[in-house]
Amino acid sequence: MRRERPPKYPPQAVRERMEGEVVLKVLVGLDGKPEEIILDRSSGYEELDRASIAAVKRWDFNVGMENGSPIRGYVLVPMQFNLNQ
């Protein structure tokens, strides 16, 4: 995966001191764009989950290759929300 911008911490989540990890399962298309984003593991907070999905929708991924040809494939994307970082 290329280095992409992390999700923005939602202001409400900061105010309410929400922290956690979100894991997304992303189907990467032949062009490196996410074709499907599935919430694999929730942080327990809808605001953090939504922020993760919104960020990944704008990402470009490295395309998988098989026998020299690009292929679609799933990747797991973990995202940490920690107010002390």
PDB file of N, CA and C in Angstrom:
ATOM      1  N   MET A   1       0.847  -1.176   0.000  1.00  0.00           N
ATOM      2  CA  MET A   1       0.000   0.000   0.000  1.00  0.00           C
ATOM      3  C   MET A   1       0.889   1.234   0.000  1.00  0.00           C
ATOM      4  N   ARG A   2       0.493   2.212  -0.755  1.00  0.00           N
ATOM      5  CA  ARG A   2       1.223   3.474  -0.769  1.00  0.00           C
ATOM      6  C   ARG A   2       0.928   4.242   0.506  1.00  0.00           C
ATOM      7  N   ARG A   3       1.819   5.181   0.816  1.00  0.00           N
ATOM      8  CA  ARG A   3       1.563   6.019   1.989  1.00  0.00           C
ATOM      9  C   ARG A   3       0.426   6.974   1.663  1.00  0.00           C
ATOM     10  N   GLU A   4      -0.613   6.908   2.433  1.00  0.00           N
ATOM     11  CA  GLU A   4      -1.789   7.731   2.210  1.00  0.00           C
ATOM     12  C   GLU A   4      -2.106   8.521   3.476  1.00  0.00           C
ATOM     13  N   ARG A   5      -2.951   9.510   3.308  1.00  0.00           N
ATOM     14  CA  ARG A   5      -3.327  10.351   4.441  1.00  0.00           C
ATOM     15  C   ARG A   5      -4.162   9.545   5.427  1.00  0.00           C
ATOM     16  N   PRO A   6      -3.831   9.617   6.700  1.00  0.00           N
ATOM     17  CA  PRO A   6      -4.629   8.904   7.703  1.00  0.00           C
ATOM     18  C   PRO A   6      -5.992   9.574   7.850  1.00  0.00           C
ATOM     19  N   PRO A   7      -6.923   8.880   8.459  1.00  0.00           N
ATOM     20  CA  PRO A   7      -8.236   9.487   8.661  1.00  0.00           C
ATOM     21  C   PRO A   7      -8.147  10.654   9.638  1.00  0.00           C
ATOM     22  N   LYS A   8      -9.036  11.618   9.451  1.00  0.00           N
ATOM     23  CA  LYS A   8      -9.112  12.728  10.390  1.00  0.00           C
ATOM     24  C   LYS A   8      -9.880  12.260  11.622  1.00  0.00           C
ATOM     25  N   TYR A   9      -9.368  12.645  12.786  1.00  0.00           N
ATOM     26  CA  TYR A   9     -10.047  12.301  14.036  1.00  0.00           C
ATOM     27  C   TYR A   9     -11.315  13.141  14.108  1.00  0.00           C
ATOM     28  N   PRO A  10     -12.487  12.530  14.159  1.00  0.00           N
ATOM     29  CA  PRO A  10     -13.723  13.309  14.219  1.00  0.00           C
ATOM     30  C   PRO A  10     -13.768  14.174  15.492  1.00  0.00           C
ATOM     31  N   PRO A  11     -14.153  15.439  15.362  1.00  0.00           N
ATOM     32  CA  PRO A  11     -14.180  16.333  16.534  1.00  0.00           C
ATOM     33  C   PRO A  11     -15.004  15.787  17.697  1.00  0.00           C
ATOM     34  N   GLN A  12     -16.145  15.187  17.407  1.00  0.00           N
ATOM     35  CA  GLN A  12     -16.966  14.620  18.483  1.00  0.00           C
ATOM     36  C   GLN A  12     -16.218  13.495  19.201  1.00  0.00           C
ATOM     37  N   ALA A  13     -15.478  12.694  18.436  1.00  0.00           N
ATOM     38  CA  ALA A  13     -14.712  11.596  19.029  1.00  0.00           C
ATOM     39  C   ALA A  13     -13.611  12.131  19.938  1.00  0.00           C
ATOM     40  N   VAL A  14     -13.011  13.251  19.563  1.00  0.00           N
ATOM     41  CA  VAL A  14     -11.978  13.862  20.409  1.00  0.00           C
ATOM     42  C   VAL A  14     -12.614  14.362  21.705  1.00  0.00           C
ATOM     43  N   ARG A  15     -13.730  15.068  21.563  1.00  0.00           N
ATOM     44  CA  ARG A  15     -14.419  15.605  22.757  1.00  0.00           C
ATOM     45  C   ARG A  15     -14.819  14.503  23.724  1.00  0.00           C
ATOM     46  N   GLU A  16     -15.265  13.392  23.171  1.00  0.00           N
ATOM     47  CA  GLU A  16     -15.745  12.288  24.002  1.00  0.00           C
ATOM     48  C   GLU A  16     -14.654  11.264  24.325  1.00  0.00           C
ATOM     49  N   ARG A  17     -13.405  11.579  23.942  1.00  0.00           N
ATOM     50  CA  ARG A  17     -12.239  10.753  24.267  1.00  0.00           C
ATOM     51  C   ARG A  17     -12.353   9.332  23.724  1.00  0.00           C
ATOM     52  N   MET A  18     -12.873   9.187  22.505  1.00  0.00           N
ATOM     53  CA  MET A  18     -13.015   7.864  21.879  1.00  0.00           C
ATOM     54  C   MET A  18     -11.675   7.422  21.305  1.00  0.00           C
ATOM     55  N   GLU A  19     -11.310   6.174  21.559  1.00  0.00           N
ATOM     56  CA  GLU A  19     -10.099   5.577  21.017  1.00  0.00           C
ATOM     57  C   GLU A  19     -10.416   4.145  20.595  1.00  0.00           C
ATOM     58  N   GLY A  20      -9.604   3.604  19.724  1.00  0.00           N
ATOM     59  CA  GLY A  20      -9.792   2.215  19.327  1.00  0.00           C
ATOM     60  C   GLY A  20      -9.136   1.922  18.000  1.00  0.00           C
ATOM     61  N   GLU A  21      -9.307   0.682  17.564  1.00  0.00           N
ATOM     62  CA  GLU A  21      -8.750   0.248  16.288  1.00  0.00           C
ATOM     63  C   GLU A  21      -9.879  -0.200  15.367  1.00  0.00           C
ATOM     64  N   VAL A  22      -9.802   0.245  14.133  1.00  0.00           N
ATOM     65  CA  VAL A  22     -10.728  -0.165  13.084  1.00  0.00           C
ATOM     66  C   VAL A  22      -9.932  -1.022  12.108  1.00  0.00           C
ATOM     67  N   VAL A  23     -10.534  -2.119  11.650  1.00  0.00           N
ATOM     68  CA  VAL A  23      -9.907  -2.933  10.611  1.00  0.00           C
ATOM     69  C   VAL A  23     -10.886  -2.998   9.440  1.00  0.00           C
ATOM     70  N   LEU A  24     -10.414  -2.553   8.288  1.00  0.00           N
ATOM     71  CA  LEU A  24     -11.218  -2.578   7.075  1.00  0.00           C
ATOM     72  C   LEU A  24     -10.690  -3.639   6.119  1.00  0.00           C
ATOM     73  N   LYS A  25     -11.601  -4.313   5.445  1.00  0.00           N
ATOM     74  CA  LYS A  25     -11.240  -5.265   4.390  1.00  0.00           C
ATOM     75  C   LYS A  25     -11.563  -4.559   3.078  1.00  0.00           C
ATOM     76  N   VAL A  26     -10.525  -4.343   2.259  1.00  0.00           N
ATOM     77  CA  VAL A  26     -10.664  -3.529   1.067  1.00  0.00           C
ATOM     78  C   VAL A  26     -10.373  -4.375  -0.176  1.00  0.00           C
ATOM     79  N   LEU A  27     -11.314  -4.342  -1.126  1.00  0.00           N
ATOM     80  CA  LEU A  27     -11.085  -4.973  -2.415  1.00  0.00           C
ATOM     81  C   LEU A  27     -10.422  -3.937  -3.315  1.00  0.00           C
ATOM     82  N   VAL A  28      -9.171  -4.203  -3.684  1.00  0.00           N
ATOM     83  CA  VAL A  28      -8.398  -3.285  -4.520  1.00  0.00           C
ATOM     84  C   VAL A  28      -8.587  -3.690  -5.981  1.00  0.00           C
ATOM     85  N   GLY A  29      -9.017  -2.723  -6.785  1.00  0.00           N
ATOM     86  CA  GLY A  29      -9.254  -2.973  -8.199  1.00  0.00           C
ATOM     87  C   GLY A  29      -7.982  -2.945  -9.019  1.00  0.00           C
ATOM     88  N   LEU A  30      -8.127  -3.207 -10.292  1.00  0.00           N
ATOM     89  CA  LEU A  30      -6.978  -3.250 -11.203  1.00  0.00           C
ATOM     90  C   LEU A  30      -6.303  -1.893 -11.336  1.00  0.00           C
ATOM     91  N   ASP A  31      -7.017  -0.823 -11.021  1.00  0.00           N
ATOM     92  CA  ASP A  31      -6.455   0.529 -11.088  1.00  0.00           C
ATOM     93  C   ASP A  31      -5.909   1.012  -9.749  1.00  0.00           C
ATOM     94  N   GLY A  32      -5.947   0.153  -8.721  1.00  0.00           N
ATOM     95  CA  GLY A  32      -5.451   0.522  -7.402  1.00  0.00           C
ATOM     96  C   GLY A  32      -6.460   1.245  -6.539  1.00  0.00           C
ATOM     97  N   LYS A  33      -7.652   1.464  -7.063  1.00  0.00           N
ATOM     98  CA  LYS A  33      -8.709   2.145  -6.306  1.00  0.00           C
ATOM     99  C   LYS A  33      -9.529   1.114  -5.531  1.00  0.00           C
ATOM    100  N   PRO A  34     -10.021   1.498  -4.338  1.00  0.00           N
ATOM    101  CA  PRO A  34     -10.873   0.566  -3.602  1.00  0.00           C
ATOM    102  C   PRO A  34     -12.218   0.380  -4.305  1.00  0.00           C
ATOM    103  N   GLU A  35     -12.566  -0.854  -4.565  1.00  0.00           N
ATOM    104  CA  GLU A  35     -13.845  -1.171  -5.199  1.00  0.00           C
ATOM    105  C   GLU A  35     -14.908  -1.488  -4.160  1.00  0.00           C
ATOM    106  N   GLU A  36     -14.466  -2.006  -3.028  1.00  0.00           N
ATOM    107  CA  GLU A  36     -15.389  -2.403  -1.957  1.00  0.00           C
ATOM    108  C   GLU A  36     -14.657  -2.207  -0.636  1.00  0.00           C
ATOM    109  N   ILE A  37     -15.349  -1.656   0.351  1.00  0.00           N
ATOM    110  CA  ILE A  37     -14.772  -1.465   1.680  1.00  0.00           C
ATOM    111  C   ILE A  37     -15.734  -2.083   2.683  1.00  0.00           C
ATOM    112  N   ILE A  38     -15.228  -3.046   3.430  1.00  0.00           N
ATOM    113  CA  ILE A  38     -16.025  -3.774   4.410  1.00  0.00           C
ATOM    114  C   ILE A  38     -15.446  -3.507   5.798  1.00  0.00           C
ATOM    115  N   LEU A  39     -16.304  -3.210   6.748  1.00  0.00           N
ATOM    116  CA  LEU A  39     -15.869  -3.042   8.133  1.00  0.00           C
ATOM    117  C   LEU A  39     -15.633  -4.437   8.704  1.00  0.00           C
ATOM    118  N   ASP A  40     -14.357  -4.829   8.812  1.00  0.00           N
ATOM    119  CA  ASP A  40     -13.997  -6.161   9.301  1.00  0.00           C
ATOM    120  C   ASP A  40     -14.071  -6.217  10.820  1.00  0.00           C
ATOM    121  N   ARG A  41     -13.590  -5.139  11.472  1.00  0.00           N
ATOM    122  CA  ARG A  41     -13.657  -5.065  12.939  1.00  0.00           C
ATOM    123  C   ARG A  41     -13.884  -3.610  13.339  1.00  0.00           C
ATOM    124  N   SER A  42     -14.934  -3.384  14.068  1.00  0.00           N
ATOM    125  CA  SER A  42     -15.299  -2.041  14.504  1.00  0.00           C
ATOM    126  C   SER A  42     -14.466  -1.606  15.711  1.00  0.00           C
ATOM    127  N   SER A  43     -14.285  -0.304  15.807  1.00  0.00           N
ATOM    128  CA  SER A  43     -13.637   0.273  16.990  1.00  0.00           C
ATOM    129  C   SER A  43     -14.590   0.291  18.171  1.00  0.00           C
ATOM    130  N   GLY A  44     -15.866   0.103  17.868  1.00  0.00           N
ATOM    131  CA  GLY A  44     -16.890   0.233  18.893  1.00  0.00           C
ATOM    132  C   GLY A  44     -17.541   1.615  18.868  1.00  0.00           C
ATOM    133  N   TYR A  45     -17.021   2.478  17.993  1.00  0.00           N
ATOM    134  CA  TYR A  45     -17.542   3.841  17.859  1.00  0.00           C
ATOM    135  C   TYR A  45     -17.833   4.109  16.386  1.00  0.00           C
ATOM    136  N   GLU A  46     -19.081   4.417  16.083  1.00  0.00           N
ATOM    137  CA  GLU A  46     -19.481   4.649  14.702  1.00  0.00           C
ATOM    138  C   GLU A  46     -18.705   5.801  14.065  1.00  0.00           C
ATOM    139  N   GLU A  47     -18.395   6.836  14.845  1.00  0.00           N
ATOM    140  CA  GLU A  47     -17.664   7.989  14.309  1.00  0.00           C
ATOM    141  C   GLU A  47     -16.283   7.590  13.794  1.00  0.00           C
ATOM    142  N   LEU A  48     -15.572   6.750  14.536  1.00  0.00           N
ATOM    143  CA  LEU A  48     -14.234   6.315  14.129  1.00  0.00           C
ATOM    144  C   LEU A  48     -14.317   5.376  12.925  1.00  0.00           C
ATOM    145  N   ASP A  49     -15.307   4.506  12.929  1.00  0.00           N
ATOM    146  CA  ASP A  49     -15.488   3.594  11.804  1.00  0.00           C
ATOM    147  C   ASP A  49     -15.757   4.379  10.518  1.00  0.00           C
ATOM    148  N   ARG A  50     -16.663   5.363  10.596  1.00  0.00           N
ATOM    149  CA  ARG A  50     -17.002   6.168   9.408  1.00  0.00           C
ATOM    150  C   ARG A  50     -15.800   6.970   8.913  1.00  0.00           C
ATOM    151  N   ALA A  51     -15.008   7.529   9.847  1.00  0.00           N
ATOM    152  CA  ALA A  51     -13.827   8.307   9.451  1.00  0.00           C
ATOM    153  C   ALA A  51     -12.820   7.426   8.717  1.00  0.00           C
ATOM    154  N   SER A  52     -12.668   6.188   9.149  1.00  0.00           N
ATOM    155  CA  SER A  52     -11.756   5.254   8.490  1.00  0.00           C
ATOM    156  C   SER A  52     -12.210   4.946   7.072  1.00  0.00           C
ATOM    157  N   ILE A  53     -13.481   4.656   6.917  1.00  0.00           N
ATOM    158  CA  ILE A  53     -14.019   4.327   5.600  1.00  0.00           C
ATOM    159  C   ILE A  53     -13.890   5.525   4.664  1.00  0.00           C
ATOM    160  N   ALA A  54     -14.196   6.719   5.161  1.00  0.00           N
ATOM    161  CA  ALA A  54     -14.104   7.929   4.332  1.00  0.00           C
ATOM    162  C   ALA A  54     -12.670   8.151   3.847  1.00  0.00           C
ATOM    163  N   ALA A  55     -11.688   7.907   4.705  1.00  0.00           N
ATOM    164  CA  ALA A  55     -10.287   8.098   4.321  1.00  0.00           C
ATOM    165  C   ALA A  55      -9.873   7.095   3.255  1.00  0.00           C
ATOM    166  N   VAL A  56     -10.213   5.825   3.457  1.00  0.00           N
ATOM    167  CA  VAL A  56      -9.779   4.766   2.539  1.00  0.00           C
ATOM    168  C   VAL A  56     -10.414   4.927   1.157  1.00  0.00           C
ATOM    169  N   LYS A  57     -11.606   5.518   1.086  1.00  0.00           N
ATOM    170  CA  LYS A  57     -12.247   5.740  -0.217  1.00  0.00           C
ATOM    171  C   LYS A  57     -11.379   6.593  -1.133  1.00  0.00           C
ATOM    172  N   ARG A  58     -10.499   7.428  -0.563  1.00  0.00           N
ATOM    173  CA  ARG A  58      -9.655   8.322  -1.357  1.00  0.00           C
ATOM    174  C   ARG A  58      -8.255   7.762  -1.602  1.00  0.00           C
ATOM    175  N   TRP A  59      -7.953   6.602  -1.062  1.00  0.00           N
ATOM    176  CA  TRP A  59      -6.605   6.050  -1.176  1.00  0.00           C
ATOM    177  C   TRP A  59      -6.380   5.371  -2.519  1.00  0.00           C
ATOM    178  N   ASP A  60      -5.101   5.292  -2.890  1.00  0.00           N
ATOM    179  CA  ASP A  60      -4.642   4.492  -4.024  1.00  0.00           C
ATOM    180  C   ASP A  60      -3.751   3.391  -3.465  1.00  0.00           C
ATOM    181  N   PHE A  61      -4.002   2.170  -3.857  1.00  0.00           N
ATOM    182  CA  PHE A  61      -3.251   1.020  -3.373  1.00  0.00           C
ATOM    183  C   PHE A  61      -2.334   0.497  -4.469  1.00  0.00           C
ATOM    184  N   ASN A  62      -1.308  -0.222  -4.074  1.00  0.00           N
ATOM    185  CA  ASN A  62      -0.486  -0.953  -5.033  1.00  0.00           C
ATOM    186  C   ASN A  62      -1.310  -2.138  -5.525  1.00  0.00           C
ATOM    187  N   VAL A  63      -1.311  -2.335  -6.795  1.00  0.00           N
ATOM    188  CA  VAL A  63      -2.102  -3.405  -7.405  1.00  0.00           C
ATOM    189  C   VAL A  63      -1.353  -4.727  -7.265  1.00  0.00           C
ATOM    190  N   GLY A  64      -2.098  -5.788  -6.942  1.00  0.00           N
ATOM    191  CA  GLY A  64      -1.501  -7.117  -6.868  1.00  0.00           C
ATOM    192  C   GLY A  64      -1.152  -7.621  -8.257  1.00  0.00           C
ATOM    193  N   MET A  65      -0.154  -8.448  -8.313  1.00  0.00           N
ATOM    194  CA  MET A  65       0.287  -9.003  -9.599  1.00  0.00           C
ATOM    195  C   MET A  65       0.321 -10.523  -9.497  1.00  0.00           C
ATOM    196  N   GLU A  66      -0.048 -11.162 -10.598  1.00  0.00           N
ATOM    197  CA  GLU A  66       0.031 -12.617 -10.692  1.00  0.00           C
ATOM    198  C   GLU A  66       0.462 -12.966 -12.109  1.00  0.00           C
ATOM    199  N   ASN A  67       1.592 -13.654 -12.226  1.00  0.00           N
ATOM    200  CA  ASN A  67       2.139 -14.018 -13.542  1.00  0.00           C
ATOM    201  C   ASN A  67       2.303 -12.796 -14.443  1.00  0.00           C
ATOM    202  N   GLY A  68       2.707 -11.677 -13.848  1.00  0.00           N
ATOM    203  CA  GLY A  68       2.970 -10.467 -14.614  1.00  0.00           C
ATOM    204  C   GLY A  68       1.750  -9.640 -14.971  1.00  0.00           C
ATOM    205  N   SER A  69       0.583 -10.056 -14.518  1.00  0.00           N
ATOM    206  CA  SER A  69      -0.643  -9.312 -14.817  1.00  0.00           C
ATOM    207  C   SER A  69      -1.272  -8.787 -13.533  1.00  0.00           C
ATOM    208  N   PRO A  70      -1.868  -7.603 -13.583  1.00  0.00           N
ATOM    209  CA  PRO A  70      -2.530  -7.063 -12.392  1.00  0.00           C
ATOM    210  C   PRO A  70      -3.771  -7.885 -12.047  1.00  0.00           C
ATOM    211  N   ILE A  71      -4.027  -8.010 -10.749  1.00  0.00           N
ATOM    212  CA  ILE A  71      -5.209  -8.743 -10.277  1.00  0.00           C
ATOM    213  C   ILE A  71      -5.908  -7.936  -9.191  1.00  0.00           C
ATOM    214  N   ARG A  72      -7.194  -8.164  -9.062  1.00  0.00           N
ATOM    215  CA  ARG A  72      -7.954  -7.604  -7.955  1.00  0.00           C
ATOM    216  C   ARG A  72      -7.687  -8.472  -6.725  1.00  0.00           C
ATOM    217  N   GLY A  73      -7.722  -7.863  -5.560  1.00  0.00           N
ATOM    218  CA  GLY A  73      -7.524  -8.642  -4.346  1.00  0.00           C
ATOM    219  C   GLY A  73      -7.882  -7.861  -3.102  1.00  0.00           C
ATOM    220  N   TYR A  74      -8.096  -8.596  -2.029  1.00  0.00           N
ATOM    221  CA  TYR A  74      -8.450  -7.989  -0.744  1.00  0.00           C
ATOM    222  C   TYR A  74      -7.210  -7.735   0.099  1.00  0.00           C
ATOM    223  N   VAL A  75      -7.238  -6.643   0.832  1.00  0.00           N
ATOM    224  CA  VAL A  75      -6.210  -6.344   1.828  1.00  0.00           C
ATOM    225  C   VAL A  75      -6.919  -5.925   3.107  1.00  0.00           C
ATOM    226  N   LEU A  76      -6.279  -6.206   4.242  1.00  0.00           N
ATOM    227  CA  LEU A  76      -6.780  -5.734   5.532  1.00  0.00           C
ATOM    228  C   LEU A  76      -6.040  -4.451   5.893  1.00  0.00           C
ATOM    229  N   VAL A  77      -6.798  -3.450   6.305  1.00  0.00           N
ATOM    230  CA  VAL A  77      -6.215  -2.147   6.634  1.00  0.00           C
ATOM    231  C   VAL A  77      -6.580  -1.821   8.089  1.00  0.00           C
ATOM    232  N   PRO A  78      -5.618  -1.953   9.018  1.00  0.00           N
ATOM    233  CA  PRO A  78      -5.882  -1.562  10.408  1.00  0.00           C
ATOM    234  C   PRO A  78      -5.619  -0.068  10.593  1.00  0.00           C
ATOM    235  N   MET A  79      -6.434   0.573  11.405  1.00  0.00           N
ATOM    236  CA  MET A  79      -6.266   1.995  11.704  1.00  0.00           C
ATOM    237  C   MET A  79      -6.426   2.223  13.190  1.00  0.00           C
ATOM    238  N   GLN A  80      -5.436   2.850  13.775  1.00  0.00           N
ATOM    239  CA  GLN A  80      -5.450   3.146  15.200  1.00  0.00           C
ATOM    240  C   GLN A  80      -5.924   4.579  15.439  1.00  0.00           C
ATOM    241  N   PHE A  81      -6.804   4.742  16.370  1.00  0.00           N
ATOM    242  CA  PHE A  81      -7.211   6.073  16.846  1.00  0.00           C
ATOM    243  C   PHE A  81      -6.761   6.168  18.295  1.00  0.00           C
ATOM    244  N   ASN A  82      -5.766   7.016  18.514  1.00  0.00           N
ATOM    245  CA  ASN A  82      -5.183   7.158  19.843  1.00  0.00           C
ATOM    246  C   ASN A  82      -4.976   8.640  20.098  1.00  0.00           C
ATOM    247  N   LEU A  83      -5.590   9.177  21.114  1.00  0.00           N
ATOM    248  CA  LEU A  83      -5.509  10.605  21.399  1.00  0.00           C
ATOM    249  C   LEU A  83      -4.146  11.024  21.930  1.00  0.00           C
ATOM    250  N   ASN A  84      -3.315  10.096  22.336  1.00  0.00           N
ATOM    251  CA  ASN A  84      -2.001  10.427  22.902  1.00  0.00           C
ATOM    252  C   ASN A  84      -0.890  10.407  21.870  1.00  0.00           C
ATOM    253  N   GLN A  85      -1.224  10.294  20.598  1.00  0.00           N
ATOM    254  CA  GLN A  85      -0.177  10.263  19.563  1.00  0.00           C
ATOM    255  C   GLN A  85      -0.108  11.593  18.862  1.00  0.00           C
TER     256      GLN A  85
END
